[in-house]
Amino acid sequence: AFFVGPGNRLGEAIPIHDAHKHIFGMVLMNDWSARDIQKWEYVPLGPFLGKSFGTTISPWVVTMEALQPFVLPNPIQDPKPLPYLCDDQPYTFDINLFVSIKGEGMSKPATICSSNFKHMYWTMKQQLAHHTINGCNLRPGDLLASGTISGPDPENFGSMLEMSWKGTKSIDLGNGQSRKFLQDGDEVIITGYCQGHGYRVGFGECSGKVLSAKLI
């Protein structure tokens, strides 16, 4: 996810070549999905309340200046986007990402996913330009999530719905523990870093624990 720096006026679209001037920095983000609600909503409406009940972010906002040494060429997009989203300036980043689960009774977390931000199809500049193309305004401090970051292989899948193949496969956590979806008491831990020569740029842990629901 990324934080907006300078905003724009209502009705003003931000052109793709200026979009980087409006992006301050990045954090790790978990936009928790309520599986049962989402399953009911997403055909034919699409996820709505199932995606709006909880959000967790990491403690550090890493500035884009700190991430510049890890910039990569933009992904090849086919079909080619509309002209207002076309951009030749590299704005994809080599950020290693990991997701772990620590269930109740587990002595240590089990890593279930290793991915990389470079697998994003749309760059942050494209997302911001598209967000404002209809005149929507942005304010300093607004938080925009990138979306699920899944790589090409099963160990790179970015959601448990993908990893469990819609609940038909179990995810091994070790020591006899497995999951198809999260359970009460599970702690989800997302970590990420950029690896330099002899140093790392990290975000801190993005962690949260699933508590049992209280009936009202």
Protein backbone atom coordinates (compact mmCIF):
# COMPACT_ATOMS: atom_id res chain seq x y z
CA ALA A 1 0.00 0.00 0.00
CA PHE A 2 1.15 3.58 -0.50
CA PHE A 3 0.50 6.93 1.14
CA VAL A 4 -0.38 10.02 -0.87
CA GLY A 5 1.86 13.06 -0.48
CA PRO A 6 0.56 16.22 -2.17
CA GLY A 7 -3.09 15.82 -3.13
CA ASN A 8 -4.99 17.21 -6.10
CA ARG A 9 -7.93 19.55 -6.52
CA LEU A 10 -11.40 18.13 -6.95
CA GLY A 11 -11.96 17.49 -10.65
CA GLU A 12 -8.23 17.51 -11.48
CA ALA A 13 -6.78 14.34 -12.99
CA ILE A 14 -3.15 13.55 -12.16
CA PRO A 15 -1.23 12.71 -15.37
CA ILE A 16 0.84 9.53 -15.33
CA HIS A 17 4.15 11.40 -15.77
CA ASP A 18 3.47 13.44 -12.60
CA ALA A 19 1.99 10.64 -10.48
CA HIS A 20 5.27 9.90 -8.64
CA LYS A 21 5.23 13.43 -7.22
CA HIS A 22 2.06 12.52 -5.30
CA ILE A 23 3.35 9.25 -3.73
CA PHE A 24 5.08 9.71 -0.37
CA GLY A 25 5.96 6.18 0.73
CA MET A 26 4.89 2.58 1.25
CA VAL A 27 3.71 0.28 4.05
CA LEU A 28 2.71 -3.36 4.29
CA MET A 29 -1.05 -3.79 4.48
CA ASN A 30 -3.50 -6.59 5.24
CA ASP A 31 -7.06 -5.77 4.17
CA TRP A 32 -8.66 -8.66 5.97
CA SER A 33 -11.41 -10.51 4.11
CA ALA A 34 -14.47 -11.91 5.90
CA ARG A 35 -14.68 -15.14 3.91
CA ASP A 36 -18.31 -16.05 4.57
CA ILE A 37 -19.59 -12.53 3.86
CA GLN A 38 -17.41 -12.20 0.77
CA LYS A 39 -18.56 -15.57 -0.60
CA TRP A 40 -22.17 -14.42 -0.34
CA GLU A 41 -21.44 -11.02 -1.92
CA TYR A 42 -18.99 -11.58 -4.71
CA VAL A 43 -21.35 -13.29 -7.18
CA PRO A 44 -22.84 -11.27 -8.75
CA LEU A 45 -22.19 -8.06 -6.73
CA GLY A 46 -18.50 -8.36 -5.92
CA PRO A 47 -16.69 -8.03 -2.55
CA PHE A 48 -18.06 -5.17 -0.45
CA LEU A 49 -18.75 -5.58 3.27
CA GLY A 50 -16.54 -8.66 3.23
CA LYS A 51 -13.54 -6.38 2.61
CA SER A 52 -14.42 -3.40 4.79
CA PHE A 53 -14.36 -4.62 8.37
CA GLY A 54 -10.65 -4.51 9.25
CA THR A 55 -7.27 -3.20 8.04
CA THR A 56 -3.77 -3.69 9.48
CA ILE A 57 -0.62 -1.85 8.39
CA SER A 58 3.06 -2.09 9.33
CA PRO A 59 4.64 0.49 11.69
CA TRP A 60 7.10 2.14 9.29
CA VAL A 61 6.34 4.29 6.26
CA VAL A 62 9.28 3.74 3.90
CA THR A 63 9.75 6.77 1.63
CA MET A 64 9.99 6.37 -2.12
CA GLU A 65 13.49 7.90 -1.97
CA ALA A 66 14.60 4.97 0.19
CA LEU A 67 13.11 2.50 -2.32
CA GLN A 68 14.66 4.04 -5.43
CA PRO A 69 17.79 1.79 -5.34
CA PHE A 70 15.44 -1.18 -5.78
CA VAL A 71 13.44 0.07 -8.76
CA LEU A 72 12.81 -2.39 -11.61
CA PRO A 73 11.49 -2.09 -15.18
CA ASN A 74 7.70 -2.00 -15.38
CA PRO A 75 5.88 -5.24 -16.23
CA ILE A 76 4.94 -6.01 -19.81
CA GLN A 77 1.21 -5.29 -20.14
CA ASP A 78 -0.82 -7.06 -22.81
CA PRO A 79 -3.12 -5.67 -24.06
CA LYS A 80 -1.47 -2.26 -23.98
CA PRO A 81 -3.23 0.13 -21.55
CA LEU A 82 -5.05 3.23 -22.72
CA PRO A 83 -2.72 6.18 -23.44
CA TYR A 84 -3.35 7.94 -20.11
CA LEU A 85 -1.87 4.87 -18.32
CA CYS A 86 1.16 4.34 -20.56
CA ASP A 87 4.47 5.13 -18.85
CA ASP A 88 8.05 4.24 -19.80
CA GLN A 89 9.68 5.33 -16.53
CA PRO A 90 10.48 2.34 -14.24
CA TYR A 91 8.28 2.29 -11.14
CA THR A 92 8.19 -1.35 -10.06
CA PHE A 93 10.17 -2.37 -6.97
CA ASP A 94 12.07 -5.44 -5.79
CA ILE A 95 10.40 -5.94 -2.40
CA ASN A 96 10.53 -9.43 -0.86
CA LEU A 97 7.25 -10.31 0.85
CA PHE A 98 6.35 -13.10 3.28
CA VAL A 99 3.15 -14.20 5.03
CA SER A 100 3.14 -16.43 8.12
CA ILE A 101 0.45 -17.90 10.35
CA LYS A 102 0.84 -18.63 14.05
CA GLY A 103 -2.09 -20.60 15.39
CA GLU A 104 -2.92 -21.10 19.04
CA GLY A 105 -0.51 -23.64 20.53
CA MET A 106 2.12 -23.13 17.83
CA SER A 107 5.58 -22.27 19.18
CA LYS A 108 6.56 -20.30 16.09
CA PRO A 109 4.88 -18.98 12.93
CA ALA A 110 4.76 -21.04 9.74
CA THR A 111 5.55 -19.22 6.50
CA ILE A 112 2.88 -20.00 3.92
CA CYS A 113 3.69 -17.47 1.19
CA SER A 114 6.79 -15.83 -0.28
CA SER A 115 6.19 -13.31 -3.03
CA ASN A 116 7.58 -10.06 -4.40
CA PHE A 117 6.11 -6.66 -5.22
CA LYS A 118 7.62 -6.96 -8.72
CA HIS A 119 4.76 -9.32 -9.60
CA MET A 120 2.26 -6.43 -9.53
CA TYR A 121 0.64 -5.98 -12.94
CA TRP A 122 -0.23 -2.29 -12.40
CA THR A 123 2.32 0.19 -11.06
CA MET A 124 1.45 2.62 -8.29
CA LYS A 125 1.69 5.49 -10.77
CA GLN A 126 -0.91 3.82 -12.96
CA GLN A 127 -3.19 3.15 -10.00
CA LEU A 128 -3.01 6.75 -8.85
CA ALA A 129 -3.54 8.16 -12.36
CA HIS A 130 -6.55 5.90 -12.89
CA HIS A 131 -7.95 6.80 -9.46
CA THR A 132 -8.08 10.48 -10.41
CA ILE A 133 -9.00 10.24 -14.11
CA ASN A 134 -12.69 10.82 -13.30
CA GLY A 135 -11.92 13.87 -11.16
CA CYS A 136 -11.76 12.13 -7.77
CA ASN A 137 -9.61 14.14 -5.37
CA LEU A 138 -6.84 12.80 -3.14
CA ARG A 139 -5.66 14.33 0.13
CA PRO A 140 -2.26 14.10 1.83
CA GLY A 141 -2.18 10.96 3.97
CA ASP A 142 -4.71 9.00 1.92
CA LEU A 143 -3.83 5.30 1.86
CA LEU A 144 -4.19 3.31 -1.38
CA ALA A 145 -3.79 -0.48 -1.34
CA SER A 146 -2.05 -2.18 -4.24
CA GLY A 147 -4.24 -5.28 -4.22
CA THR A 148 -3.26 -8.92 -3.75
CA ILE A 149 0.33 -9.60 -4.83
CA SER A 150 0.51 -13.10 -6.27
CA GLY A 151 3.44 -14.58 -8.18
CA PRO A 152 3.44 -17.29 -10.86
CA ASP A 153 3.89 -20.32 -8.57
CA PRO A 154 1.65 -21.75 -5.79
CA GLU A 155 4.09 -20.69 -3.07
CA ASN A 156 3.72 -17.11 -4.37
CA PHE A 157 -0.08 -16.98 -4.13
CA GLY A 158 -1.13 -13.94 -2.09
CA SER A 159 -4.41 -15.08 -0.54
CA MET A 160 -5.59 -18.18 1.26
CA LEU A 161 -8.46 -18.48 -1.21
CA GLU A 162 -5.84 -19.03 -3.91
CA MET A 163 -3.52 -21.19 -1.79
CA SER A 164 -6.32 -23.52 -0.68
CA TRP A 165 -7.82 -23.53 -4.19
CA LYS A 166 -11.16 -22.23 -2.86
CA GLY A 167 -11.01 -24.49 0.18
CA THR A 168 -10.35 -27.75 -1.65
CA LYS A 169 -6.70 -28.08 -0.53
CA SER A 170 -5.14 -27.90 2.93
CA ILE A 171 -2.18 -25.63 3.72
CA ASP A 172 0.39 -27.42 5.87
CA LEU A 173 1.62 -25.44 8.89
CA GLY A 174 3.74 -28.27 10.34
CA ASN A 175 3.38 -30.33 13.54
CA GLY A 176 0.03 -31.69 12.43
CA GLN A 177 -1.52 -28.26 11.90
CA SER A 178 -3.17 -27.26 8.63
CA ARG A 179 -5.56 -24.63 7.36
CA LYS A 180 -7.92 -24.04 4.47
CA PHE A 181 -9.02 -20.70 5.93
CA LEU A 182 -8.13 -18.75 9.06
CA GLN A 183 -9.46 -19.85 12.42
CA ASP A 184 -10.14 -18.01 15.68
CA GLY A 185 -6.86 -17.39 17.47
CA ASP A 186 -4.72 -17.34 14.31
CA GLU A 187 -2.15 -14.56 14.05
CA VAL A 188 -1.27 -13.43 10.51
CA ILE A 189 2.16 -11.86 10.12
CA ILE A 190 3.25 -10.07 6.93
CA THR A 191 6.88 -9.01 6.57
CA GLY A 192 8.82 -7.44 3.75
CA TYR A 193 12.19 -5.95 2.90
CA CYS A 194 14.44 -4.79 0.09
CA GLN A 195 17.85 -6.46 0.04
CA GLY A 196 20.81 -4.21 -0.68
CA HIS A 197 24.55 -4.97 -0.67
CA GLY A 198 25.16 -5.56 3.03
CA TYR A 199 21.97 -3.88 4.21
CA ARG A 200 18.18 -4.19 4.18
CA VAL A 201 15.36 -1.69 4.00
CA GLY A 202 12.44 -3.14 5.99
CA PHE A 203 8.89 -2.20 6.90
CA GLY A 204 8.47 -3.90 10.29
CA GLU A 205 5.78 -6.51 10.96
CA CYS A 206 2.20 -6.12 9.78
CA SER A 207 0.49 -8.47 12.22
CA GLY A 208 -2.98 -9.06 13.55
CA LYS A 209 -4.85 -11.81 15.39
CA VAL A 210 -8.27 -13.25 14.63
CA LEU A 211 -10.49 -13.08 17.70
CA SER A 212 -13.76 -14.92 18.11
CA ALA A 213 -16.81 -12.87 17.19
CA LYS A 214 -19.01 -11.45 19.94
CA LEU A 215 -22.70 -11.89 19.30
CA ILE A 216 -24.70 -8.69 19.89
